[in-house]
N, C-alpha and C. Protein backbone atom coordinates (compact mmCIF):
# COMPACT_ATOMS: atom_id res chain seq x y z
N UNK A 1 0.72 -1.07 -0.02
CA UNK A 1 -0.12 0.43 -0.08
C UNK A 1 0.72 1.12 0.13
N UNK A 2 0.39 2.18 -0.63
CA UNK A 2 1.13 3.42 -0.61
C UNK A 2 0.33 4.52 0.45
N UNK A 3 1.48 5.33 0.71
CA UNK A 3 1.06 6.79 2.00
C UNK A 3 -0.33 6.96 0.84
N UNK A 4 -1.46 7.55 1.98
CA UNK A 4 -2.53 8.43 1.21
C UNK A 4 -3.24 7.19 0.97
N UNK A 5 -3.16 5.76 0.74
CA UNK A 5 -4.08 4.90 0.45
C UNK A 5 -5.50 4.55 1.54
N UNK A 6 -6.45 4.38 1.23
CA UNK A 6 -7.52 4.03 2.22
C UNK A 6 -7.49 2.39 2.22
N UNK A 7 -7.60 2.31 3.43
CA UNK A 7 -7.72 0.58 3.39
C UNK A 7 -8.71 0.07 2.85
N UNK A 8 -8.71 -1.14 2.80
CA UNK A 8 -10.05 -1.94 2.05
C UNK A 8 -10.81 -2.31 2.99
N UNK A 9 -12.49 -2.28 2.70
CA UNK A 9 -13.30 -2.39 3.32
C UNK A 9 -13.57 -4.10 3.54
N UNK A 10 -13.39 -4.76 4.65
CA UNK A 10 -13.33 -5.94 4.97
C UNK A 10 -14.53 -6.12 6.28
N UNK A 11 -14.73 -7.56 6.20
CA UNK A 11 -15.59 -8.29 7.64
C UNK A 11 -14.58 -9.13 7.98
N UNK A 12 -14.28 -8.87 9.60
CA UNK A 12 -13.71 -9.78 10.07
C UNK A 12 -14.32 -10.49 11.22
N UNK A 13 -14.11 -12.03 10.82
CA UNK A 13 -15.30 -12.77 12.04
C UNK A 13 -14.26 -12.99 13.40
N UNK A 14 -14.80 -12.66 14.02
CA UNK A 14 -14.21 -12.35 15.57
C UNK A 14 -14.96 -13.65 16.64
N UNK A 15 -14.05 -13.70 17.60
CA UNK A 15 -14.71 -14.41 18.84
C UNK A 15 -14.61 -13.55 19.80
N UNK A 16 -15.71 -12.99 20.38
CA UNK A 16 -15.59 -11.99 21.61
C UNK A 16 -15.86 -12.44 22.84
N UNK A 17 -15.51 -12.27 23.65
CA UNK A 17 -15.89 -12.88 25.42
C UNK A 17 -17.35 -12.49 25.46
N UNK A 18 -18.24 -13.24 26.06
CA UNK A 18 -19.30 -13.43 26.64
C UNK A 18 -20.06 -13.56 27.84
N UNK A 19 -20.10 -13.06 28.77
CA UNK A 19 -19.96 -13.17 30.26
C UNK A 19 -21.45 -14.15 30.13
N UNK A 20 -22.15 -13.88 29.75
CA UNK A 20 -23.46 -14.72 29.66
C UNK A 20 -23.61 -15.69 29.17
N UNK A 21 -22.59 -16.04 28.76
CA UNK A 21 -22.50 -17.83 28.12
C UNK A 21 -21.71 -18.77 29.21
N UNK A 22 -22.34 -19.58 29.72
CA UNK A 22 -21.41 -20.30 30.78
C UNK A 22 -20.84 -21.40 29.84
N UNK A 23 -19.95 -21.92 31.17
CA UNK A 23 -19.05 -23.18 30.30
C UNK A 23 -17.72 -22.56 30.17
N UNK A 24 -16.78 -23.68 29.63
CA UNK A 24 -15.39 -23.34 29.42
C UNK A 24 -15.01 -22.64 28.04
N UNK A 25 -16.07 -22.03 27.47
CA UNK A 25 -15.82 -21.41 26.26
C UNK A 25 -16.85 -20.18 26.16
N UNK A 26 -16.64 -19.20 26.74
CA UNK A 26 -17.69 -18.10 26.92
C UNK A 26 -17.41 -17.15 25.84
N UNK A 27 -17.46 -17.54 24.50
CA UNK A 27 -17.37 -16.78 23.36
C UNK A 27 -18.41 -17.04 22.32
N UNK A 28 -18.40 -15.75 21.96
CA UNK A 28 -19.67 -15.90 20.44
C UNK A 28 -18.98 -14.97 19.32
N UNK A 29 -19.57 -15.36 18.15
CA UNK A 29 -19.52 -14.78 17.12
C UNK A 29 -19.54 -13.44 16.96
N UNK A 30 -18.40 -12.80 16.32
CA UNK A 30 -19.13 -10.86 15.79
C UNK A 30 -18.66 -10.31 14.70
N UNK A 31 -19.22 -10.04 14.12
CA UNK A 31 -18.30 -9.49 12.79
C UNK A 31 -17.71 -8.28 13.03
N UNK A 32 -16.60 -7.74 12.71
CA UNK A 32 -15.99 -6.66 12.80
C UNK A 32 -15.63 -5.89 11.40
N UNK A 33 -15.77 -4.90 11.20
CA UNK A 33 -15.55 -4.14 9.77
C UNK A 33 -14.24 -3.68 10.23
N UNK A 34 -13.59 -3.32 8.60
CA UNK A 34 -12.66 -2.43 8.76
C UNK A 34 -12.47 -0.95 9.38
N UNK A 35 -14.20 -0.29 9.07
CA UNK A 35 -14.23 0.84 9.97
C UNK A 35 -14.42 0.75 11.18
N UNK A 36 -15.08 -0.77 11.77
CA UNK A 36 -15.27 -0.81 13.30
C UNK A 36 -14.01 -0.18 14.09
N UNK A 37 -12.58 -0.83 12.93
CA UNK A 37 -11.16 -0.80 13.76
C UNK A 37 -10.37 0.41 13.56
N UNK A 38 -10.93 1.05 12.14
CA UNK A 38 -10.00 2.24 11.81
C UNK A 38 -10.75 3.58 12.03
N UNK A 39 -11.84 3.89 11.48
CA UNK A 39 -12.53 4.72 11.51
C UNK A 39 -12.47 5.82 12.89
N UNK A 40 -11.83 7.07 12.61
CA UNK A 40 -12.16 7.80 13.47
C UNK A 40 -10.97 7.66 14.64
N UNK A 41 -9.78 6.93 14.41
CA UNK A 41 -8.48 6.71 14.94
C UNK A 41 -7.52 6.89 14.44
N UNK A 42 -6.33 7.16 15.33
CA UNK A 42 -5.12 6.95 14.74
C UNK A 42 -4.26 5.77 15.29
N UNK A 43 -3.93 4.67 14.61
CA UNK A 43 -3.26 3.61 15.09
C UNK A 43 -2.33 3.00 14.58
N UNK A 44 -1.57 2.03 14.91
CA UNK A 44 -0.63 1.31 14.31
C UNK A 44 -1.29 -0.27 13.93
N UNK A 45 -1.24 -0.46 12.65
CA UNK A 45 -1.61 -1.82 12.41
C UNK A 45 -0.23 -2.41 12.18
N UNK A 46 0.04 -3.43 12.70
CA UNK A 46 0.77 -4.62 12.35
C UNK A 46 0.48 -5.76 11.92
N UNK A 47 1.28 -6.80 11.14
CA UNK A 47 1.14 -7.92 10.72
C UNK A 47 1.87 -8.91 10.72
N UNK A 48 1.98 -9.84 10.76
CA UNK A 48 2.79 -11.07 10.62
C UNK A 48 2.79 -12.14 10.15
N UNK A 49 3.73 -13.40 9.68
CA UNK A 49 3.32 -14.33 9.16
C UNK A 49 2.59 -15.43 9.89
N UNK A 50 2.67 -15.42 11.26
CA UNK A 50 1.83 -16.60 12.20
C UNK A 50 1.89 -16.06 13.67
N UNK A 51 0.35 -16.46 14.35
CA UNK A 51 0.46 -16.47 15.93
C UNK A 51 1.45 -17.65 16.04
N UNK A 52 1.98 -17.46 17.11
CA UNK A 52 2.79 -18.64 17.74
C UNK A 52 4.47 -18.81 17.34
N UNK A 53 4.58 -18.07 16.31
CA UNK A 53 5.50 -18.27 15.37
C UNK A 53 7.06 -17.34 16.22
N UNK A 54 8.46 -17.55 15.91
CA UNK A 54 9.26 -17.02 17.26
C UNK A 54 9.64 -15.83 16.67
N UNK A 55 9.66 -15.22 16.09
CA UNK A 55 9.71 -13.37 15.84
C UNK A 55 8.97 -12.78 16.56
N UNK A 56 7.58 -13.35 15.93
CA UNK A 56 6.13 -12.74 16.28
C UNK A 56 6.13 -12.61 17.61
N UNK A 57 6.36 -13.69 18.07
CA UNK A 57 5.99 -13.97 19.54
C UNK A 57 7.27 -13.58 20.65
N UNK A 58 8.50 -13.57 20.19
CA UNK A 58 9.59 -12.69 20.91
C UNK A 58 9.93 -11.56 20.72
N UNK A 59 9.78 -11.46 19.64
CA UNK A 59 9.95 -9.63 19.61
C UNK A 59 8.81 -8.64 19.28
N UNK A 60 8.09 -8.92 18.20
CA UNK A 60 7.40 -7.99 17.68
C UNK A 60 5.98 -7.55 18.47
N UNK A 61 5.08 -8.63 18.62
CA UNK A 61 4.41 -8.33 19.41
C UNK A 61 4.70 -8.19 20.99
N UNK A 62 5.59 -8.83 21.61
CA UNK A 62 5.65 -7.91 23.13
C UNK A 62 6.60 -6.55 22.45
N UNK A 63 7.01 -6.10 21.56
CA UNK A 63 7.91 -5.19 21.32
C UNK A 63 6.48 -3.84 21.41
N UNK A 64 5.61 -4.22 20.61
CA UNK A 64 4.31 -3.27 20.46
C UNK A 64 3.41 -3.32 21.47
N UNK A 65 3.46 -4.58 22.46
CA UNK A 65 2.71 -4.69 23.67
C UNK A 65 3.42 -3.45 24.71
N UNK A 66 5.01 -3.83 24.80
CA UNK A 66 5.28 -3.18 25.99
C UNK A 66 5.27 -1.97 25.58
N UNK A 67 5.91 -1.35 24.29
CA UNK A 67 5.52 0.39 24.00
C UNK A 67 4.21 0.65 24.14
N UNK A 68 3.56 0.38 24.20
CA UNK A 68 2.12 0.89 24.33
C UNK A 68 2.06 2.15 25.10
N UNK A 69 2.68 2.81 26.13
CA UNK A 69 2.31 3.79 26.57
C UNK A 69 2.91 4.88 25.66
N UNK A 70 4.56 4.27 25.10
CA UNK A 70 5.09 5.31 24.46
C UNK A 70 4.53 5.82 23.05
N UNK A 71 3.41 4.71 22.31
CA UNK A 71 3.06 4.68 21.33
C UNK A 71 1.54 5.97 21.60
N UNK A 72 0.98 5.61 22.82
CA UNK A 72 -0.20 6.40 23.30
C UNK A 72 0.16 7.97 23.18
N UNK A 73 1.68 8.32 24.20
CA UNK A 73 2.06 9.53 23.97
C UNK A 73 2.49 9.87 22.72
N UNK A 74 2.72 9.34 21.41
CA UNK A 74 2.59 9.91 20.33
C UNK A 74 1.25 10.33 19.43
N UNK A 75 0.52 9.83 20.36
CA UNK A 75 -0.72 10.52 19.47
C UNK A 75 -1.33 9.15 18.96
N UNK A 76 -1.37 7.70 19.45
CA UNK A 76 -1.75 6.49 18.94
C UNK A 76 -2.81 6.34 19.78
N UNK A 77 -4.05 5.82 19.24
CA UNK A 77 -5.07 5.45 19.83
C UNK A 77 -5.39 3.73 20.21
N UNK A 78 -4.83 3.00 19.54
CA UNK A 78 -4.46 1.52 19.56
C UNK A 78 -3.66 0.98 18.55
N UNK A 79 -3.06 -0.24 19.15
CA UNK A 79 -2.22 -0.90 18.16
C UNK A 79 -3.15 -2.41 17.72
N UNK A 80 -3.03 -2.56 16.54
CA UNK A 80 -3.51 -3.78 16.34
C UNK A 80 -2.70 -4.81 15.58
N UNK A 81 -2.65 -5.87 15.76
CA UNK A 81 -1.76 -7.11 15.12
C UNK A 81 -2.99 -7.79 14.49
N UNK A 82 -2.38 -7.90 13.27
CA UNK A 82 -3.11 -8.80 12.25
C UNK A 82 -2.20 -9.83 11.67
N UNK A 83 -3.21 -11.24 11.59
CA UNK A 83 -2.44 -12.21 10.67
C UNK A 83 -3.50 -12.82 10.41
N UNK A 84 -3.10 -13.94 9.12
CA UNK A 84 -3.90 -14.79 8.61
C UNK A 84 -4.07 -16.06 9.56
N UNK A 85 -4.60 -15.94 10.84
CA UNK A 85 -4.79 -17.08 11.21
C UNK A 85 -6.72 -16.87 11.91
N UNK A 86 -7.14 -17.95 12.12
CA UNK A 86 -8.30 -17.63 12.61
C UNK A 86 -8.84 -16.88 14.13
N UNK A 87 -9.73 -16.62 14.46
CA UNK A 87 -10.12 -16.06 15.64
C UNK A 87 -9.59 -17.18 17.18
N UNK A 88 -10.09 -18.02 16.82
CA UNK A 88 -9.43 -19.13 17.85
C UNK A 88 -8.21 -19.12 17.99
N UNK A 89 -7.23 -18.87 16.99
CA UNK A 89 -5.75 -19.34 16.91
C UNK A 89 -5.43 -17.77 17.68
N UNK A 90 -5.96 -16.53 17.18
CA UNK A 90 -5.35 -15.56 17.63
C UNK A 90 -5.73 -15.20 19.02
N UNK A 91 -6.72 -15.64 19.30
CA UNK A 91 -7.17 -15.09 20.87
C UNK A 91 -6.46 -16.23 21.47
N UNK A 92 -6.27 -17.40 21.33
CA UNK A 92 -5.08 -18.02 22.41
C UNK A 92 -3.69 -17.75 22.18
N UNK A 93 -3.27 -16.58 21.07
CA UNK A 93 -1.83 -16.70 21.24
C UNK A 93 -1.92 -15.36 21.78
N UNK A 94 -2.94 -14.46 21.81
CA UNK A 94 -3.09 -13.27 23.03
C UNK A 94 -3.13 -13.70 24.42
N UNK A 95 -3.89 -14.73 24.45
CA UNK A 95 -4.04 -15.09 25.58
C UNK A 95 -2.47 -15.84 26.43
N UNK A 96 -2.12 -16.23 25.69
CA UNK A 96 -0.59 -17.00 25.97
C UNK A 96 0.33 -16.13 25.91
N UNK A 97 0.20 -14.89 25.29
CA UNK A 97 1.44 -13.59 25.27
C UNK A 97 1.06 -12.83 26.51
N UNK A 98 -0.26 -13.13 27.28
CA UNK A 98 -0.21 -12.09 28.33
C UNK A 98 -0.71 -10.53 28.13
N UNK A 99 -1.33 -11.00 26.34
CA UNK A 99 -1.33 -9.18 26.11
C UNK A 99 -2.94 -8.60 26.42
N UNK A 100 -2.41 -7.35 26.62
CA UNK A 100 -3.62 -6.20 27.48
C UNK A 100 -3.75 -5.52 26.78
N UNK A 101 -2.81 -4.56 26.21
CA UNK A 101 -2.95 -3.70 25.50
C UNK A 101 -3.21 -3.73 23.64
N UNK A 102 -2.46 -4.47 23.13
CA UNK A 102 -2.63 -4.61 21.66
C UNK A 102 -3.72 -5.53 21.36
N UNK A 103 -4.66 -5.21 20.30
CA UNK A 103 -5.93 -6.23 20.40
C UNK A 103 -5.26 -6.66 18.98
N UNK A 104 -6.02 -8.10 18.97
CA UNK A 104 -5.75 -9.20 17.74
C UNK A 104 -6.66 -8.81 16.49
N UNK A 105 -6.32 -9.03 15.59
CA UNK A 105 -7.69 -9.17 14.58
C UNK A 105 -7.17 -10.51 13.59
N UNK A 106 -8.23 -11.00 13.43
CA UNK A 106 -8.04 -12.36 12.99
C UNK A 106 -8.68 -12.10 11.18
N UNK A 107 -7.66 -12.38 10.34
CA UNK A 107 -7.72 -12.50 8.99
C UNK A 107 -7.64 -13.44 8.15
N UNK A 108 -8.44 -14.52 8.68
CA UNK A 108 -8.84 -16.16 8.76
C UNK A 108 -8.39 -16.22 7.14
N UNK A 109 -9.22 -15.47 6.24
CA UNK A 109 -9.29 -16.23 4.89
C UNK A 109 -8.15 -15.26 4.08
N UNK A 110 -7.36 -14.93 4.47
CA UNK A 110 -6.39 -13.76 4.03
C UNK A 110 -7.14 -12.28 2.99
N UNK A 111 -8.45 -11.93 3.07
CA UNK A 111 -8.84 -11.20 2.38
C UNK A 111 -8.44 -9.90 2.54
N UNK A 112 -8.05 -8.94 3.35
CA UNK A 112 -7.41 -7.76 3.87
C UNK A 112 -5.97 -8.00 3.57
N UNK A 113 -5.15 -8.95 3.93
CA UNK A 113 -4.12 -9.15 3.27
C UNK A 113 -3.88 -9.35 2.08
N UNK A 114 -4.84 -9.83 1.35
CA UNK A 114 -4.86 -9.88 0.01
C UNK A 114 -4.93 -8.51 -0.97
N UNK A 115 -6.29 -8.06 -0.45
CA UNK A 115 -6.22 -6.19 -0.60
C UNK A 115 -5.22 -5.53 -0.73
N UNK A 116 -4.55 -5.76 0.26
CA UNK A 116 -3.31 -4.56 0.40
C UNK A 116 -1.95 -4.94 0.12
N UNK A 117 -2.02 -6.05 -0.94
CA UNK A 117 -1.05 -6.68 -1.56
C UNK A 117 0.01 -7.67 -0.79
N UNK A 118 -0.25 -7.93 0.18
CA UNK A 118 0.56 -8.59 1.37
C UNK A 118 0.73 -10.38 1.37
N UNK A 119 -0.15 -10.83 0.48
CA UNK A 119 -0.81 -12.34 0.86
C UNK A 119 0.56 -12.96 -0.35
N UNK A 120 1.13 -13.80 0.58
CA UNK A 120 2.41 -14.33 -0.08
C UNK A 120 2.43 -15.87 0.44
N UNK A 121 2.69 -16.82 -0.41
CA UNK A 121 2.69 -18.20 -0.09
C UNK A 121 3.91 -18.64 0.69
N UNK A 122 3.65 -19.30 1.64
CA UNK A 122 4.49 -20.03 2.40
C UNK A 122 4.54 -21.65 2.87
N UNK A 123 4.25 -21.98 1.62
CA UNK A 123 4.70 -23.56 1.67
C UNK A 123 5.53 -24.16 1.60
N UNK A 124 7.00 -22.97 1.56
CA UNK A 124 8.09 -24.16 2.09
C UNK A 124 8.08 -24.12 3.47
N UNK A 125 7.26 -23.48 4.49
CA UNK A 125 7.13 -23.80 5.74
C UNK A 125 6.47 -24.54 6.23
N UNK A 126 5.33 -25.17 5.15
CA UNK A 126 3.91 -25.76 5.60
C UNK A 126 2.89 -24.57 6.12
N UNK A 127 2.96 -23.52 5.71
CA UNK A 127 2.06 -22.60 6.18
C UNK A 127 1.03 -22.32 5.40
N UNK A 128 1.19 -22.43 4.17
CA UNK A 128 0.20 -22.18 3.11
C UNK A 128 0.23 -20.67 2.74
N UNK A 129 -1.11 -19.83 2.51
CA UNK A 129 -1.08 -18.44 2.52
C UNK A 129 -0.76 -17.74 3.69
N UNK A 130 -0.14 -16.97 3.70
CA UNK A 130 0.20 -15.80 5.08
C UNK A 130 0.38 -14.51 4.90
N UNK A 131 0.38 -13.45 5.57
CA UNK A 131 0.94 -11.99 5.38
C UNK A 131 2.28 -12.28 5.61
N UNK A 132 2.76 -11.26 4.71
CA UNK A 132 4.40 -10.61 4.47
C UNK A 132 4.36 -9.85 5.84
N UNK A 133 5.18 -9.76 6.53
CA UNK A 133 5.86 -8.85 7.56
C UNK A 133 5.59 -7.26 7.26
N UNK A 134 4.80 -6.51 7.79
CA UNK A 134 4.73 -5.12 7.22
C UNK A 134 3.62 -4.41 8.91
N UNK A 135 3.84 -3.33 8.96
CA UNK A 135 3.29 -2.39 10.03
C UNK A 135 2.90 -1.01 9.12
N UNK A 136 2.22 -0.14 10.10
CA UNK A 136 1.46 1.17 9.16
C UNK A 136 1.04 1.94 10.37
N UNK A 137 1.09 2.98 10.09
CA UNK A 137 0.23 4.19 10.81
C UNK A 137 -0.58 4.39 10.17
N UNK A 138 -1.81 4.23 10.47
CA UNK A 138 -3.31 4.26 9.86
C UNK A 138 -4.08 5.61 10.41
N UNK A 139 -4.49 6.92 10.04
CA UNK A 139 -5.29 7.73 10.62
C UNK A 139 -6.71 7.54 10.01
N UNK A 140 -7.54 7.17 10.48
CA UNK A 140 -9.20 7.70 10.01
C UNK A 140 -9.10 6.40 9.08
N UNK A 141 -8.44 5.16 8.79
CA UNK A 141 -8.58 4.40 7.68
C UNK A 141 -7.51 4.77 6.32
N UNK A 142 -6.81 5.90 6.53
CA UNK A 142 -6.02 5.97 5.57
C UNK A 142 -4.39 5.95 6.21
N UNK A 143 -3.62 5.27 4.86
CA UNK A 143 -2.43 5.07 5.40
C UNK A 143 -1.67 6.05 5.24
N UNK A 144 -1.08 6.78 6.70
CA UNK A 144 -0.42 7.79 6.90
C UNK A 144 1.30 7.41 6.64
N UNK A 145 1.52 6.04 7.11
CA UNK A 145 3.12 5.97 6.90
C UNK A 145 3.04 4.24 6.71
N UNK A 146 3.79 3.87 5.70
CA UNK A 146 3.87 1.89 5.44
C UNK A 146 5.29 1.81 5.82
N UNK A 147 5.70 0.57 6.26
CA UNK A 147 6.77 -0.03 6.92
C UNK A 147 6.65 -1.54 6.22
N UNK A 148 7.58 -1.80 5.11
CA UNK A 148 7.04 -3.15 4.61
C UNK A 148 8.50 -3.84 4.84
N UNK A 149 8.83 -4.89 5.36
CA UNK A 149 10.03 -5.82 5.29
C UNK A 149 10.81 -5.81 4.01
N UNK A 150 11.81 -6.05 3.49
CA UNK A 150 12.32 -6.38 2.23
C UNK A 150 12.27 -7.65 1.61
N UNK A 151 12.11 -7.74 0.40
CA UNK A 151 12.19 -9.28 -0.18
C UNK A 151 10.55 -9.55 -0.22
N UNK A 152 9.64 -9.08 -0.52
CA UNK A 152 8.12 -9.41 -0.80
C UNK A 152 8.41 -10.59 -1.68
N UNK A 153 7.74 -12.07 -1.50
CA UNK A 153 7.66 -13.03 -2.50
C UNK A 153 7.40 -14.20 -1.64
N UNK A 154 6.61 -14.99 -2.71
CA UNK A 154 6.27 -16.09 -2.17
C UNK A 154 7.61 -17.20 -1.75
N UNK A 155 7.13 -17.96 -0.92
CA UNK A 155 8.10 -19.06 -0.48
C UNK A 155 9.86 -18.27 0.07
N UNK A 156 9.71 -17.25 0.60
CA UNK A 156 11.20 -16.50 0.66
C UNK A 156 11.72 -17.44 1.59
N UNK A 157 13.01 -17.47 1.60
CA UNK A 157 13.55 -18.13 2.74
C UNK A 157 14.05 -17.97 3.63
N UNK A 158 14.05 -16.66 4.12
CA UNK A 158 14.28 -15.91 5.30
C UNK A 158 12.56 -15.24 5.85
N UNK A 159 12.93 -14.71 7.06
CA UNK A 159 11.73 -13.93 7.41
C UNK A 159 12.58 -12.69 8.21
N UNK A 160 12.77 -11.26 7.22
CA UNK A 160 13.06 -10.37 7.46
C UNK A 160 12.56 -9.71 8.50
N UNK A 161 12.91 -8.90 9.37
CA UNK A 161 12.27 -8.05 10.27
C UNK A 161 13.33 -6.96 11.22
N UNK A 162 12.42 -5.88 10.96
CA UNK A 162 13.30 -4.47 10.96
C UNK A 162 12.32 -3.27 10.62
N UNK A 163 12.15 -3.58 9.75
CA UNK A 163 11.27 -2.10 9.18
C UNK A 163 10.01 -1.91 9.87
N UNK A 164 9.56 -3.04 10.04
CA UNK A 164 8.01 -3.35 10.87
C UNK A 164 8.41 -3.32 12.24
N UNK A 165 9.68 -3.27 12.77
CA UNK A 165 9.73 -3.36 14.41
C UNK A 165 9.06 -2.13 15.25
N UNK A 166 8.19 -2.31 16.20
CA UNK A 166 8.06 -1.04 17.13
C UNK A 166 9.09 -0.24 17.21
N UNK A 167 10.61 0.05 17.52
CA UNK A 167 11.32 1.07 17.54
C UNK A 167 11.50 1.81 16.26
N UNK A 168 11.14 0.97 15.21
CA UNK A 168 11.36 2.02 14.13
C UNK A 168 9.99 2.96 13.60
N UNK A 169 8.68 2.38 14.18
CA UNK A 169 7.46 3.28 14.17
C UNK A 169 7.88 4.04 15.16
N UNK A 170 8.03 3.65 16.44
CA UNK A 170 8.24 4.82 17.05
C UNK A 170 9.24 6.19 16.85
N UNK A 171 10.00 5.59 16.33
CA UNK A 171 11.22 6.69 15.65
C UNK A 171 10.83 7.31 14.65
N UNK A 172 9.34 6.63 13.56
CA UNK A 172 8.77 7.60 12.77
C UNK A 172 7.78 8.72 13.49
N UNK A 173 6.85 7.96 14.27
CA UNK A 173 6.02 9.13 15.27
C UNK A 173 6.70 9.99 15.74
N UNK A 174 7.85 10.07 16.54
CA UNK A 174 8.69 10.83 17.10
C UNK A 174 9.38 11.87 16.01
N UNK A 175 9.56 11.35 15.06
CA UNK A 175 10.10 12.48 14.05
C UNK A 175 9.35 13.15 13.46
N UNK A 176 7.99 12.60 13.13
CA UNK A 176 7.00 13.45 12.39
C UNK A 176 6.71 14.63 13.41
N UNK A 177 6.39 14.09 14.77
CA UNK A 177 5.88 15.40 15.76
C UNK A 177 7.21 16.29 15.67
N UNK A 178 8.39 16.22 15.99
CA UNK A 178 9.20 17.51 15.60
C UNK A 178 9.20 17.83 14.41
N UNK A 179 8.53 17.23 13.57
CA UNK A 179 8.55 18.10 12.23
C UNK A 179 7.53 18.83 12.06
N UNK A 180 6.27 18.65 12.71
CA UNK A 180 5.24 19.17 12.62
C UNK A 180 5.35 20.50 13.82
N UNK A 181 6.30 20.50 14.94
CA UNK A 181 5.97 21.42 15.89
C UNK A 181 6.96 22.52 15.46
């Protein structure tokens, strides 16, 4: 995606906790749209190849989680982690990681990821179709800044990480604030 591009309109099939449901699985289906997540907010969206994978679980998700207050100071309302995984997997991953600040968005069929041009084959790892690693600052559904890892392509032998790192986005936000002042 390019700076200034509007995010595609997609419906995400999510599972949300519902305390009125008894038993071991107190969740219900709730469809959410691109507008539900992005309208009227300035957010960070980052996407990664898969829940429970090493780089995603060790560096990227914890980095955004732990840096949440720093991002808020720079005018960020929410941070979203997206992956081509279903809602069950994304919710369990967030639970396993102890995530409180970052919200997970399941792009189970890869529709959003495909529409932003980031859907790649990862058959070489047994993953099937997944997201290329990227991050964006999104203001009211419009891309303010885009950070994409180099080498976008199917069955890439590596998993580059750096452009979409929280430290990189925070540096961008601070520089943009200084420039505006």
